[in-house]
Structures are given as structure tokens and as C-alpha cells.
Amino acid sequence: METKDQAPQEGYADLTLDLPFKKAFATEEDKDLLIALLNAFLEKKLKQPITDVVIKNPYVKGQAMHNRDSIFDIRCQDTQGNRFIVEVQIGRQVHFIKRTLFYICMAIANNGVKGEWDFDYPPVYTLSFLDFDLDFGKDNEDVVQYLSLSNEEHPEIRYNFINLVFVRLTKFSKSLDECETFRDRLIFALRHAHEFKERPEQLSGSLFERLFSIAKFTNFTPEEQSEYWSNMMNKYDQQAALICAKKEGREEGIAIGDERGEARGMEKKALQTAIKMKVKGLNIALIAEVTGLSEKEIEGLDTCG
């Protein structure tokens, strides 16, 4: 197995980067890979499996001049009218759930027809693959998270016209031999394909053969290889920025702690001095001038201890 940082000239691209992810799952000629991906992670949310999809323009225009436009990784629709937004995100975003909800609302609004819309829009699903972790609650270690609207007083009642699904790639720790389901093997491929020179035997079958063929770096055009390295450098830059932010945060915390410790030490010393001067019967005003304490503080000092 190769290290993650090794150039993939003889191996496979990192499927969590934009270019290889869209190259594998966002083309009409290989849309059965996208269908398999959607069914694997949305099976529990769908009334019936997806059999076909139409890949739509990923560009969504804002509804007003001051609204931002959006470009999704993948946007598609199945034969039942369900809409799907699929994204892979490597850069950490604290408010990613809010961001996803914002984009799903944009996609819904974009489907409206002026003067004809009765708001009975079809179900919309987002499927987000995260190469970082988000807080989904204490002791919640599930790799796949399902969010939807529900009735607070009757949580069994759910409104499934908006569905958010998050795959926490960094929480997936299974070895290849421990992968028992197709979904497990898909997650493993997304996380580790770029670490191999040859496709592992455990990832067999036509779908995985095609996925690894698409991800094979020697099958990339020179333009795609250049864009891939741009994606990779962006990933490294974000990782470096995160490491730097954590380091600066730790250093700032230590500095604040030192300052507070020093201040507490000086305050304790001033109190001890004030008590000694007060025991000797020195003037309160003089004690205040020497120690920097207020006269009220000095008057309240206990000299009997």
C-alpha cells in the first residue's frame, strides 16, 4: 500500500477530490455508478430503489440580484421526480449543516415556476461526503447521519420532503476485510483508492472495476492531471491552515493562562503585603498606595488568620 502523499502516476486518484469524484459519478455514460451510490446511502429513505436518473446542470442561479449563485458537485433527478444533490467536502466548515440547508432551499426555489407553483415540490435529498468531522451529538459515532423534519411532540411523525444525509468519512475505520456491505466497500474505496497501485481483489465486480478504471491516474488527460494537482494542493493548503490555526489557538491559550497566572500571583502578593502592613497598624491610605488595592478591599482583610 502506498502512502497518502505519494503521487498517483502508477495508481489511482483521491476520490474525495472534486475532479475525480465528479469524473466517476457525474457523467451520463457512467451514471449507473451514481445510481449505485444513491441507492447505497439513501436506501432507508427511499420508497423504492432508484432505477434511472437524469443528471442536471449543477449551476443554480440565485433568485435575486443580491443572492449568491451555487454550483453543486452533482445535481440529478430520478424517474419518480425526486431531486438529489451530491457533494464531497474536504475543507472543514463549522456551519456545514446550515450551508447544506441553505443550498437545498436554493434548489427548491429554483424549481418553482412563477404564477404556477403551489409549493407541492417533490422530495429533495442531499448526500454529503465529509472528509472532516462534524458534531452530531455526544456519543454519536455513526458514520452515516440522517436528518429530516419531524414533529417534536411526536418524533415518529416525519416530513420527508427534505432529507439531509451526511457521510463522515473520517469516522470510518474498518479495514477492507471488515467491510461486509456494498456501502462499506464504497466508503473504503472513497477513502483509500489512492493508496493502492492495483485494485484490491475484495473490491471486485463491474461497478468497482469501472470506478477504479476511472480513478486510474494514467487515464486522466493532461488537463485533468493538472486540475487534479490543483485540487490536491488546495487540500494540502486547507490542512496546513487547520494545523496552523490549532497551533496558534494552543499558543494563545498558554499565553493567556500564563498572564492570568502571573496576575493571580501579583494579586496574592499584594494581599499578603497589605495584611502585614495592616497588622502593624499602618494607615489604610498608605497601604492602598503601596499595594495598589482599594481602601475598601484593605478594610475587609482578615488579619486574625
C-alpha atoms as a PDB file:
ATOM      1  CA  MET A   1       0.000   0.000   0.000  1.00  0.00           C
ATOM      2  CA  GLU A   2       1.282   3.474  -0.858  1.00  0.00           C
ATOM      3  CA  THR A   3       1.307   6.459   1.434  1.00  0.00           C
ATOM      4  CA  LYS A   4      -1.418   9.044   1.026  1.00  0.00           C
ATOM      5  CA  ASP A   5       1.009  11.734  -0.079  1.00  0.00           C
ATOM      6  CA  GLN A   6       2.619   9.734  -2.886  1.00  0.00           C
ATOM      7  CA  ALA A   7       1.993  10.925  -6.434  1.00  0.00           C
ATOM      8  CA  PRO A   8      -0.548   8.598  -8.094  1.00  0.00           C
ATOM      9  CA  GLN A   9       1.144   8.293 -11.526  1.00  0.00           C
ATOM     10  CA  GLU A  10       1.116   4.489 -11.219  1.00  0.00           C
ATOM     11  CA  GLY A  11      -2.009   4.266  -9.080  1.00  0.00           C
ATOM     12  CA  TYR A  12      -5.340   5.929  -8.503  1.00  0.00           C
ATOM     13  CA  ALA A  13      -6.595   9.411  -7.785  1.00  0.00           C
ATOM     14  CA  ASP A  14      -8.015  10.515  -4.450  1.00  0.00           C
ATOM     15  CA  LEU A  15     -11.772  10.120  -4.981  1.00  0.00           C
ATOM     16  CA  THR A  16     -12.608  12.674  -2.289  1.00  0.00           C
ATOM     17  CA  LEU A  17     -11.279  15.475  -4.508  1.00  0.00           C
ATOM     18  CA  ASP A  18     -13.696  17.342  -6.762  1.00  0.00           C
ATOM     19  CA  LEU A  19     -12.317  16.305 -10.153  1.00  0.00           C
ATOM     20  CA  PRO A  20     -12.103  12.509  -9.671  1.00  0.00           C
ATOM     21  CA  PHE A  21     -15.361  12.436  -7.694  1.00  0.00           C
ATOM     22  CA  LYS A  22     -17.283  14.162 -10.489  1.00  0.00           C
ATOM     23  CA  LYS A  23     -15.380  12.195 -13.140  1.00  0.00           C
ATOM     24  CA  ALA A  24     -16.633   8.976 -11.504  1.00  0.00           C
ATOM     25  CA  PHE A  25     -20.192   9.909 -10.566  1.00  0.00           C
ATOM     26  CA  ALA A  26     -21.334  12.880 -12.674  1.00  0.00           C
ATOM     27  CA  THR A  27     -21.280  11.577 -16.259  1.00  0.00           C
ATOM     28  CA  GLU A  28     -24.169  10.175 -18.284  1.00  0.00           C
ATOM     29  CA  GLU A  29     -22.099   7.274 -19.629  1.00  0.00           C
ATOM     30  CA  ASP A  30     -21.301   6.082 -16.094  1.00  0.00           C
ATOM     31  CA  LYS A  31     -24.460   7.150 -14.305  1.00  0.00           C
ATOM     32  CA  ASP A  32     -25.049   3.618 -13.022  1.00  0.00           C
ATOM     33  CA  LEU A  33     -22.205   4.407 -10.599  1.00  0.00           C
ATOM     34  CA  LEU A  34     -24.191   7.419  -9.387  1.00  0.00           C
ATOM     35  CA  ILE A  35     -27.355   5.311  -9.111  1.00  0.00           C
ATOM     36  CA  ALA A  36     -25.472   2.717  -7.052  1.00  0.00           C
ATOM     37  CA  LEU A  37     -24.072   5.460  -4.820  1.00  0.00           C
ATOM     38  CA  LEU A  38     -27.502   6.991  -4.205  1.00  0.00           C
ATOM     39  CA  ASN A  39     -29.168   3.653  -3.502  1.00  0.00           C
ATOM     40  CA  ALA A  40     -26.395   2.604  -1.122  1.00  0.00           C
ATOM     41  CA  PHE A  41     -26.795   5.627   1.148  1.00  0.00           C
ATOM     42  CA  LEU A  42     -30.459   6.595   0.630  1.00  0.00           C
ATOM     43  CA  GLU A  43     -31.991   3.117   0.694  1.00  0.00           C
ATOM     44  CA  LYS A  44     -33.676   3.650   4.080  1.00  0.00           C
ATOM     45  CA  LYS A  45     -35.123   6.998   2.909  1.00  0.00           C
ATOM     46  CA  LEU A  46     -36.497   5.945  -0.497  1.00  0.00           C
ATOM     47  CA  LYS A  47     -39.855   4.290  -1.082  1.00  0.00           C
ATOM     48  CA  GLN A  48     -38.307   2.275  -3.888  1.00  0.00           C
ATOM     49  CA  PRO A  49     -34.796   1.918  -5.343  1.00  0.00           C
ATOM     50  CA  ILE A  50     -33.621   4.362  -7.987  1.00  0.00           C
ATOM     51  CA  THR A  51     -33.501   2.776 -11.451  1.00  0.00           C
ATOM     52  CA  ASP A  52     -32.548   5.776 -13.564  1.00  0.00           C
ATOM     53  CA  VAL A  53     -31.501   9.396 -13.141  1.00  0.00           C
ATOM     54  CA  VAL A  54     -31.140  12.473 -15.289  1.00  0.00           C
ATOM     55  CA  ILE A  55     -28.002  14.432 -14.449  1.00  0.00           C
ATOM     56  CA  LYS A  56     -28.904  18.112 -14.409  1.00  0.00           C
ATOM     57  CA  ASN A  57     -26.924  21.331 -14.721  1.00  0.00           C
ATOM     58  CA  PRO A  58     -25.133  21.766 -11.361  1.00  0.00           C
ATOM     59  CA  TYR A  59     -25.378  25.553 -11.645  1.00  0.00           C
ATOM     60  CA  VAL A  60     -28.230  27.127  -9.661  1.00  0.00           C
ATOM     61  CA  LYS A  61     -28.797  30.847 -10.081  1.00  0.00           C
ATOM     62  CA  GLY A  62     -29.757  32.976  -7.093  1.00  0.00           C
ATOM     63  CA  GLN A  63     -33.350  34.178  -7.052  1.00  0.00           C
ATOM     64  CA  ALA A  64     -32.454  37.862  -6.669  1.00  0.00           C
ATOM     65  CA  MET A  65     -29.583  40.141  -7.649  1.00  0.00           C
ATOM     66  CA  HIS A  66     -28.164  40.130  -4.119  1.00  0.00           C
ATOM     67  CA  ASN A  67     -28.407  36.312  -3.753  1.00  0.00           C
ATOM     68  CA  ARG A  68     -25.353  34.195  -4.460  1.00  0.00           C
ATOM     69  CA  ASP A  69     -25.335  31.559  -7.194  1.00  0.00           C
ATOM     70  CA  SER A  70     -24.379  27.964  -6.416  1.00  0.00           C
ATOM     71  CA  ILE A  71     -22.543  25.203  -8.228  1.00  0.00           C
ATOM     72  CA  PHE A  72     -23.087  21.731  -6.810  1.00  0.00           C
ATOM     73  CA  ASP A  73     -20.834  18.759  -7.452  1.00  0.00           C
ATOM     74  CA  ILE A  74     -23.769  16.716  -8.761  1.00  0.00           C
ATOM     75  CA  ARG A  75     -27.444  17.525  -9.221  1.00  0.00           C
ATOM     76  CA  CYS A  76     -29.842  14.935 -10.606  1.00  0.00           C
ATOM     77  CA  GLN A  77     -33.443  13.711 -10.693  1.00  0.00           C
ATOM     78  CA  ASP A  78     -34.876  10.194 -10.746  1.00  0.00           C
ATOM     79  CA  THR A  79     -37.917   8.811 -12.602  1.00  0.00           C
ATOM     80  CA  GLN A  80     -40.162   9.471  -9.565  1.00  0.00           C
ATOM     81  CA  GLY A  81     -39.335  13.185  -9.640  1.00  0.00           C
ATOM     82  CA  ASN A  82     -37.107  13.075  -6.548  1.00  0.00           C
ATOM     83  CA  ARG A  83     -34.260  15.586  -6.630  1.00  0.00           C
ATOM     84  CA  PHE A  84     -30.746  14.811  -5.398  1.00  0.00           C
ATOM     85  CA  ILE A  85     -27.736  16.966  -4.575  1.00  0.00           C
ATOM     86  CA  VAL A  86     -24.468  15.095  -4.061  1.00  0.00           C
ATOM     87  CA  GLU A  87     -21.334  16.784  -2.741  1.00  0.00           C
ATOM     88  CA  VAL A  88     -17.916  15.874  -1.402  1.00  0.00           C
ATOM     89  CA  GLN A  89     -16.386  18.367   1.022  1.00  0.00           C
ATOM     90  CA  ILE A  90     -12.753  18.247   2.151  1.00  0.00           C
ATOM     91  CA  GLY A  91     -12.405  21.705   3.704  1.00  0.00           C
ATOM     92  CA  ARG A  92     -13.716  21.922   7.249  1.00  0.00           C
ATOM     93  CA  GLN A  93     -16.764  24.167   7.660  1.00  0.00           C
ATOM     94  CA  VAL A  94     -18.192  24.613  11.150  1.00  0.00           C
ATOM     95  CA  HIS A  95     -21.644  25.543   9.817  1.00  0.00           C
ATOM     96  CA  PHE A  96     -21.781  22.929   7.066  1.00  0.00           C
ATOM     97  CA  ILE A  97     -25.242  21.665   8.085  1.00  0.00           C
ATOM     98  CA  LYS A  98     -26.629  25.207   7.810  1.00  0.00           C
ATOM     99  CA  ARG A  99     -24.810  25.608   4.492  1.00  0.00           C
ATOM    100  CA  THR A 100     -26.410  22.400   3.206  1.00  0.00           C
ATOM    101  CA  LEU A 101     -29.863  23.549   4.289  1.00  0.00           C
ATOM    102  CA  PHE A 102     -29.280  26.887   2.543  1.00  0.00           C
ATOM    103  CA  TYR A 103     -28.346  25.139  -0.705  1.00  0.00           C
ATOM    104  CA  ILE A 104     -31.268  22.728  -0.544  1.00  0.00           C
ATOM    105  CA  CYS A 105     -33.604  25.716  -0.193  1.00  0.00           C
ATOM    106  CA  MET A 106     -31.967  27.314  -3.236  1.00  0.00           C
ATOM    107  CA  ALA A 107     -32.522  24.132  -5.225  1.00  0.00           C
ATOM    108  CA  ILE A 108     -36.188  24.018  -4.192  1.00  0.00           C
ATOM    109  CA  ALA A 109     -36.755  27.676  -5.081  1.00  0.00           C
ATOM    110  CA  ASN A 110     -35.039  27.142  -8.437  1.00  0.00           C
ATOM    111  CA  ASN A 111     -37.660  24.544  -9.383  1.00  0.00           C
ATOM    112  CA  GLY A 112     -40.545  26.963  -8.931  1.00  0.00           C
ATOM    113  CA  VAL A 113     -42.495  28.388 -11.862  1.00  0.00           C
ATOM    114  CA  LYS A 114     -43.772  31.944 -11.402  1.00  0.00           C
ATOM    115  CA  GLY A 115     -47.559  32.114 -11.163  1.00  0.00           C
ATOM    116  CA  GLU A 116     -47.992  28.342 -11.288  1.00  0.00           C
ATOM    117  CA  TRP A 117     -46.273  26.984  -8.189  1.00  0.00           C
ATOM    118  CA  ASP A 118     -48.402  25.575  -5.347  1.00  0.00           C
ATOM    119  CA  PHE A 119     -45.352  24.631  -3.225  1.00  0.00           C
ATOM    120  CA  ASP A 120     -46.003  20.919  -3.643  1.00  0.00           C
ATOM    121  CA  TYR A 121     -42.401  20.299  -4.654  1.00  0.00           C
ATOM    122  CA  PRO A 122     -41.031  16.738  -4.850  1.00  0.00           C
ATOM    123  CA  PRO A 123     -38.745  15.340  -2.132  1.00  0.00           C
ATOM    124  CA  VAL A 124     -35.212  16.719  -2.156  1.00  0.00           C
ATOM    125  CA  TYR A 125     -32.219  14.779  -0.845  1.00  0.00           C
ATOM    126  CA  THR A 126     -28.683  15.946  -0.152  1.00  0.00           C
ATOM    127  CA  LEU A 127     -25.893  13.392   0.154  1.00  0.00           C
ATOM    128  CA  SER A 128     -22.694  14.945   1.508  1.00  0.00           C
ATOM    129  CA  PHE A 129     -19.397  13.090   1.907  1.00  0.00           C
ATOM    130  CA  LEU A 130     -17.284  14.857   4.544  1.00  0.00           C
ATOM    131  CA  ASP A 131     -13.520  14.461   4.849  1.00  0.00           C
ATOM    132  CA  PHE A 132     -13.716  16.053   8.308  1.00  0.00           C
ATOM    133  CA  ASP A 133     -15.948  15.546  11.313  1.00  0.00           C
ATOM    134  CA  LEU A 134     -18.985  17.473  12.498  1.00  0.00           C
ATOM    135  CA  ASP A 135     -20.664  17.378  15.894  1.00  0.00           C
ATOM    136  CA  PHE A 136     -23.854  15.333  15.627  1.00  0.00           C
ATOM    137  CA  GLY A 137     -24.291  14.944  19.382  1.00  0.00           C
ATOM    138  CA  LYS A 138     -22.446  13.413  22.309  1.00  0.00           C
ATOM    139  CA  ASP A 139     -21.562   9.715  21.905  1.00  0.00           C
ATOM    140  CA  ASN A 140     -22.925   9.681  18.330  1.00  0.00           C
ATOM    141  CA  GLU A 141     -20.259   7.783  16.400  1.00  0.00           C
ATOM    142  CA  ASP A 142     -22.405   6.684  13.424  1.00  0.00           C
ATOM    143  CA  VAL A 143     -20.642   7.108  10.102  1.00  0.00           C
ATOM    144  CA  VAL A 144     -23.856   7.954   8.222  1.00  0.00           C
ATOM    145  CA  GLN A 145     -26.167  10.616   9.657  1.00  0.00           C
ATOM    146  CA  TYR A 146     -29.790  11.082   8.536  1.00  0.00           C
ATOM    147  CA  LEU A 147     -31.520  14.415   9.212  1.00  0.00           C
ATOM    148  CA  SER A 148     -35.097  15.367   8.332  1.00  0.00           C
ATOM    149  CA  LEU A 149     -38.032  17.393   9.661  1.00  0.00           C
ATOM    150  CA  SER A 150     -40.042  15.820  12.465  1.00  0.00           C
ATOM    151  CA  ASN A 151     -42.799  16.681  14.943  1.00  0.00           C
ATOM    152  CA  GLU A 152     -41.181  17.460  18.305  1.00  0.00           C
ATOM    153  CA  GLU A 153     -44.132  16.145  20.315  1.00  0.00           C
ATOM    154  CA  HIS A 154     -44.478  13.077  18.090  1.00  0.00           C
ATOM    155  CA  PRO A 155     -40.972  12.292  16.734  1.00  0.00           C
ATOM    156  CA  GLU A 156     -42.340   9.238  14.932  1.00  0.00           C
ATOM    157  CA  ILE A 157     -44.057  11.665  12.547  1.00  0.00           C
ATOM    158  CA  ARG A 158     -41.561  12.763   9.920  1.00  0.00           C
ATOM    159  CA  TYR A 159     -41.869  15.073   6.937  1.00  0.00           C
ATOM    160  CA  ASN A 160     -39.674  13.514   4.297  1.00  0.00           C
ATOM    161  CA  PHE A 161     -39.769  16.216   1.635  1.00  0.00           C
ATOM    162  CA  ILE A 162     -36.384  17.500   2.880  1.00  0.00           C
ATOM    163  CA  ASN A 163     -33.669  14.963   3.671  1.00  0.00           C
ATOM    164  CA  LEU A 164     -30.053  15.628   4.619  1.00  0.00           C
ATOM    165  CA  VAL A 165     -27.608  12.716   4.661  1.00  0.00           C
ATOM    166  CA  PHE A 166     -24.010  13.143   5.825  1.00  0.00           C
ATOM    167  CA  VAL A 167     -21.277  10.522   5.474  1.00  0.00           C
ATOM    168  CA  ARG A 168     -18.473  11.105   7.989  1.00  0.00           C
ATOM    169  CA  LEU A 169     -15.580   9.567   6.093  1.00  0.00           C
ATOM    170  CA  THR A 170     -13.119  10.214   8.921  1.00  0.00           C
ATOM    171  CA  LYS A 171     -15.272   8.117  11.291  1.00  0.00           C
ATOM    172  CA  PHE A 172     -14.970   5.071   9.041  1.00  0.00           C
ATOM    173  CA  SER A 173     -12.197   2.900  10.465  1.00  0.00           C
ATOM    174  CA  LYS A 174     -12.931  -0.558   9.033  1.00  0.00           C
ATOM    175  CA  SER A 175     -10.214  -2.477   7.253  1.00  0.00           C
ATOM    176  CA  LEU A 176     -11.011  -3.865   3.816  1.00  0.00           C
ATOM    177  CA  ASP A 177     -11.507  -7.346   5.269  1.00  0.00           C
ATOM    178  CA  GLU A 178     -14.025  -5.925   7.753  1.00  0.00           C
ATOM    179  CA  CYS A 179     -16.193  -4.380   5.017  1.00  0.00           C
ATOM    180  CA  GLU A 180     -19.284  -6.597   4.878  1.00  0.00           C
ATOM    181  CA  THR A 181     -21.693  -4.494   2.798  1.00  0.00           C
ATOM    182  CA  PHE A 182     -21.576  -2.762  -0.568  1.00  0.00           C
ATOM    183  CA  ARG A 183     -21.883   0.544   1.266  1.00  0.00           C
ATOM    184  CA  ASP A 184     -18.855  -0.259   3.417  1.00  0.00           C
ATOM    185  CA  ARG A 185     -16.808  -1.099   0.343  1.00  0.00           C
ATOM    186  CA  LEU A 186     -17.882   2.133  -1.353  1.00  0.00           C
ATOM    187  CA  ILE A 187     -16.764   4.199   1.636  1.00  0.00           C
ATOM    188  CA  PHE A 188     -13.494   2.284   1.760  1.00  0.00           C
ATOM    189  CA  ALA A 189     -12.899   2.963  -1.945  1.00  0.00           C
ATOM    190  CA  LEU A 190     -13.609   6.673  -1.493  1.00  0.00           C
ATOM    191  CA  ARG A 191     -11.193   6.887   1.427  1.00  0.00           C
ATOM    192  CA  HIS A 192      -8.397   4.603   0.264  1.00  0.00           C
ATOM    193  CA  ALA A 193      -8.383   4.066  -3.520  1.00  0.00           C
ATOM    194  CA  HIS A 194      -5.405   6.416  -3.936  1.00  0.00           C
ATOM    195  CA  GLU A 195      -3.338   4.282  -1.551  1.00  0.00           C
ATOM    196  CA  PHE A 196      -3.214   1.311  -3.958  1.00  0.00           C
ATOM    197  CA  LYS A 197      -1.263   0.556  -7.123  1.00  0.00           C
ATOM    198  CA  GLU A 198      -3.717  -2.182  -8.108  1.00  0.00           C
ATOM    199  CA  ARG A 199      -7.402  -2.620  -7.349  1.00  0.00           C
ATOM    200  CA  PRO A 200      -7.825  -4.927  -4.328  1.00  0.00           C
ATOM    201  CA  GLU A 201      -9.476  -8.289  -5.039  1.00  0.00           C
ATOM    202  CA  GLN A 202     -12.074  -7.592  -2.344  1.00  0.00           C
ATOM    203  CA  LEU A 203     -13.355  -4.689  -4.461  1.00  0.00           C
ATOM    204  CA  SER A 204     -14.499  -6.834  -7.348  1.00  0.00           C
ATOM    205  CA  GLY A 205     -17.488  -6.632  -9.665  1.00  0.00           C
ATOM    206  CA  SER A 206     -18.253  -4.454 -12.659  1.00  0.00           C
ATOM    207  CA  LEU A 207     -19.050  -1.324 -10.647  1.00  0.00           C
ATOM    208  CA  PHE A 208     -15.795  -1.313  -8.698  1.00  0.00           C
ATOM    209  CA  GLU A 209     -13.818  -2.283 -11.792  1.00  0.00           C
ATOM    210  CA  ARG A 210     -15.248   0.744 -13.596  1.00  0.00           C
ATOM    211  CA  LEU A 211     -14.763   3.033 -10.567  1.00  0.00           C
ATOM    212  CA  PHE A 212     -11.078   2.113 -10.307  1.00  0.00           C
ATOM    213  CA  SER A 213     -10.627   2.394 -14.078  1.00  0.00           C
ATOM    214  CA  ILE A 214     -11.986   5.942 -13.969  1.00  0.00           C
ATOM    215  CA  ALA A 215      -9.785   6.769 -10.963  1.00  0.00           C
ATOM    216  CA  LYS A 216      -6.623   5.384 -12.598  1.00  0.00           C
ATOM    217  CA  PHE A 217      -4.346   8.388 -12.943  1.00  0.00           C
ATOM    218  CA  THR A 218      -2.855   7.313 -16.259  1.00  0.00           C
ATOM    219  CA  ASN A 219      -6.362   7.504 -17.753  1.00  0.00           C
ATOM    220  CA  PHE A 220      -6.535  11.234 -16.957  1.00  0.00           C
ATOM    221  CA  THR A 221      -5.891  13.701 -19.753  1.00  0.00           C
ATOM    222  CA  PRO A 222      -3.000  16.177 -19.236  1.00  0.00           C
ATOM    223  CA  GLU A 223      -5.595  18.867 -18.460  1.00  0.00           C
ATOM    224  CA  GLU A 224      -7.298  16.617 -15.903  1.00  0.00           C
ATOM    225  CA  GLN A 225      -3.966  15.764 -14.290  1.00  0.00           C
ATOM    226  CA  SER A 226      -3.178  19.456 -13.946  1.00  0.00           C
ATOM    227  CA  GLU A 227      -6.598  20.156 -12.401  1.00  0.00           C
ATOM    228  CA  TYR A 228      -6.162  17.167 -10.091  1.00  0.00           C
ATOM    229  CA  TRP A 229      -2.908  18.540  -8.701  1.00  0.00           C
ATOM    230  CA  SER A 230      -4.625  21.889  -8.227  1.00  0.00           C
ATOM    231  CA  ASN A 231      -7.331  20.083  -6.194  1.00  0.00           C
ATOM    232  CA  MET A 232      -4.631  18.298  -4.205  1.00  0.00           C
ATOM    233  CA  MET A 233      -2.718  21.499  -3.440  1.00  0.00           C
ATOM    234  CA  ASN A 234      -5.955  23.106  -2.275  1.00  0.00           C
ATOM    235  CA  LYS A 235      -6.496  20.163   0.083  1.00  0.00           C
ATOM    236  CA  TYR A 236      -2.950  20.462   1.445  1.00  0.00           C
ATOM    237  CA  ASP A 237      -3.383  24.230   1.904  1.00  0.00           C
ATOM    238  CA  GLN A 238      -6.570  23.697   3.897  1.00  0.00           C
ATOM    239  CA  GLN A 239      -4.931  21.022   6.050  1.00  0.00           C
ATOM    240  CA  ALA A 240      -1.956  23.293   6.696  1.00  0.00           C
ATOM    241  CA  ALA A 241      -4.258  26.203   7.601  1.00  0.00           C
ATOM    242  CA  LEU A 242      -6.145  23.991  10.069  1.00  0.00           C
ATOM    243  CA  ILE A 243      -2.907  22.779  11.686  1.00  0.00           C
ATOM    244  CA  CYS A 244      -1.684  26.380  11.943  1.00  0.00           C
ATOM    245  CA  ALA A 245      -4.980  27.553  13.476  1.00  0.00           C
ATOM    246  CA  LYS A 246      -4.864  24.767  16.077  1.00  0.00           C
ATOM    247  CA  LYS A 247      -1.236  25.600  16.925  1.00  0.00           C
ATOM    248  CA  GLU A 248      -1.968  29.316  17.259  1.00  0.00           C
ATOM    249  CA  GLY A 249      -5.006  28.521  19.394  1.00  0.00           C
ATOM    250  CA  ARG A 250      -2.926  26.380  21.742  1.00  0.00           C
ATOM    251  CA  GLU A 251      -0.183  29.021  21.975  1.00  0.00           C
ATOM    252  CA  GLU A 252      -2.726  31.767  22.639  1.00  0.00           C
ATOM    253  CA  GLY A 253      -4.364  29.642  25.327  1.00  0.00           C
ATOM    254  CA  ILE A 254      -0.992  29.043  27.010  1.00  0.00           C
ATOM    255  CA  ALA A 255      -0.138  32.747  26.861  1.00  0.00           C
ATOM    256  CA  ILE A 256      -3.491  33.728  28.372  1.00  0.00           C
ATOM    257  CA  GLY A 257      -3.001  31.123  31.076  1.00  0.00           C
ATOM    258  CA  ASP A 258       0.479  32.477  31.860  1.00  0.00           C
ATOM    259  CA  GLU A 259      -0.828  36.032  32.026  1.00  0.00           C
ATOM    260  CA  ARG A 260      -3.689  35.056  34.300  1.00  0.00           C
ATOM    261  CA  GLY A 261      -1.349  33.024  36.492  1.00  0.00           C
ATOM    262  CA  GLU A 262       1.058  35.945  36.764  1.00  0.00           C
ATOM    263  CA  ALA A 263      -1.799  38.334  37.577  1.00  0.00           C
ATOM    264  CA  ARG A 264      -3.130  35.991  40.274  1.00  0.00           C
ATOM    265  CA  GLY A 265       0.373  35.715  41.735  1.00  0.00           C
ATOM    266  CA  MET A 266       0.768  39.513  41.896  1.00  0.00           C
ATOM    267  CA  GLU A 267      -2.666  39.896  43.455  1.00  0.00           C
ATOM    268  CA  LYS A 268      -1.860  37.284  46.117  1.00  0.00           C
ATOM    269  CA  LYS A 269       1.433  39.005  46.914  1.00  0.00           C
ATOM    270  CA  ALA A 270      -0.326  42.397  47.244  1.00  0.00           C
ATOM    271  CA  LEU A 271      -2.867  40.919  49.647  1.00  0.00           C
ATOM    272  CA  GLN A 272      -0.150  39.355  51.783  1.00  0.00           C
ATOM    273  CA  THR A 273       1.717  42.662  51.926  1.00  0.00           C
ATOM    274  CA  ALA A 274      -1.459  44.556  52.812  1.00  0.00           C
ATOM    275  CA  ILE A 275      -2.247  42.151  55.662  1.00  0.00           C
ATOM    276  CA  LYS A 276       1.246  42.534  57.130  1.00  0.00           C
ATOM    277  CA  MET A 277       1.030  46.358  56.923  1.00  0.00           C
ATOM    278  CA  LYS A 278      -2.441  46.357  58.429  1.00  0.00           C
ATOM    279  CA  VAL A 279      -1.301  44.141  61.332  1.00  0.00           C
ATOM    280  CA  LYS A 280       1.439  46.689  62.063  1.00  0.00           C
ATOM    281  CA  GLY A 281      -1.236  49.365  62.253  1.00  0.00           C
ATOM    282  CA  LEU A 282      -0.166  51.372  59.222  1.00  0.00           C
ATOM    283  CA  ASN A 283      -2.522  53.883  57.652  1.00  0.00           C
ATOM    284  CA  ILE A 284      -5.134  52.413  55.254  1.00  0.00           C
ATOM    285  CA  ALA A 285      -4.417  55.100  52.647  1.00  0.00           C
ATOM    286  CA  LEU A 286      -0.696  54.312  52.776  1.00  0.00           C
ATOM    287  CA  ILE A 287      -1.351  50.577  52.405  1.00  0.00           C
ATOM    288  CA  ALA A 288      -3.567  51.295  49.379  1.00  0.00           C
ATOM    289  CA  GLU A 289      -0.863  53.427  47.790  1.00  0.00           C
ATOM    290  CA  VAL A 290       1.813  50.762  48.297  1.00  0.00           C
ATOM    291  CA  THR A 291      -0.168  47.675  47.259  1.00  0.00           C
ATOM    292  CA  GLY A 292      -2.499  49.102  44.620  1.00  0.00           C
ATOM    293  CA  LEU A 293      -5.534  47.666  46.444  1.00  0.00           C
ATOM    294  CA  SER A 294      -8.570  49.789  47.189  1.00  0.00           C
ATOM    295  CA  GLU A 295      -9.172  51.083  50.692  1.00  0.00           C
ATOM    296  CA  LYS A 296     -12.426  49.083  50.791  1.00  0.00           C
ATOM    297  CA  GLU A 297     -10.524  45.873  49.976  1.00  0.00           C
ATOM    298  CA  ILE A 298      -7.967  46.600  52.672  1.00  0.00           C
ATOM    299  CA  GLU A 299     -10.642  47.330  55.270  1.00  0.00           C
ATOM    300  CA  GLY A 300     -12.222  43.967  54.547  1.00  0.00           C
ATOM    301  CA  LEU A 301      -8.985  41.984  55.008  1.00  0.00           C
ATOM    302  CA  ASP A 302      -8.973  39.463  57.844  1.00  0.00           C
ATOM    303  CA  THR A 303      -5.860  39.924  59.955  1.00  0.00           C
ATOM    304  CA  CYS A 304      -6.730  37.255  62.512  1.00  0.00           C
ATOM    305  CA  GLY A 305      -5.814  34.242  60.343  1.00  0.00           C
END
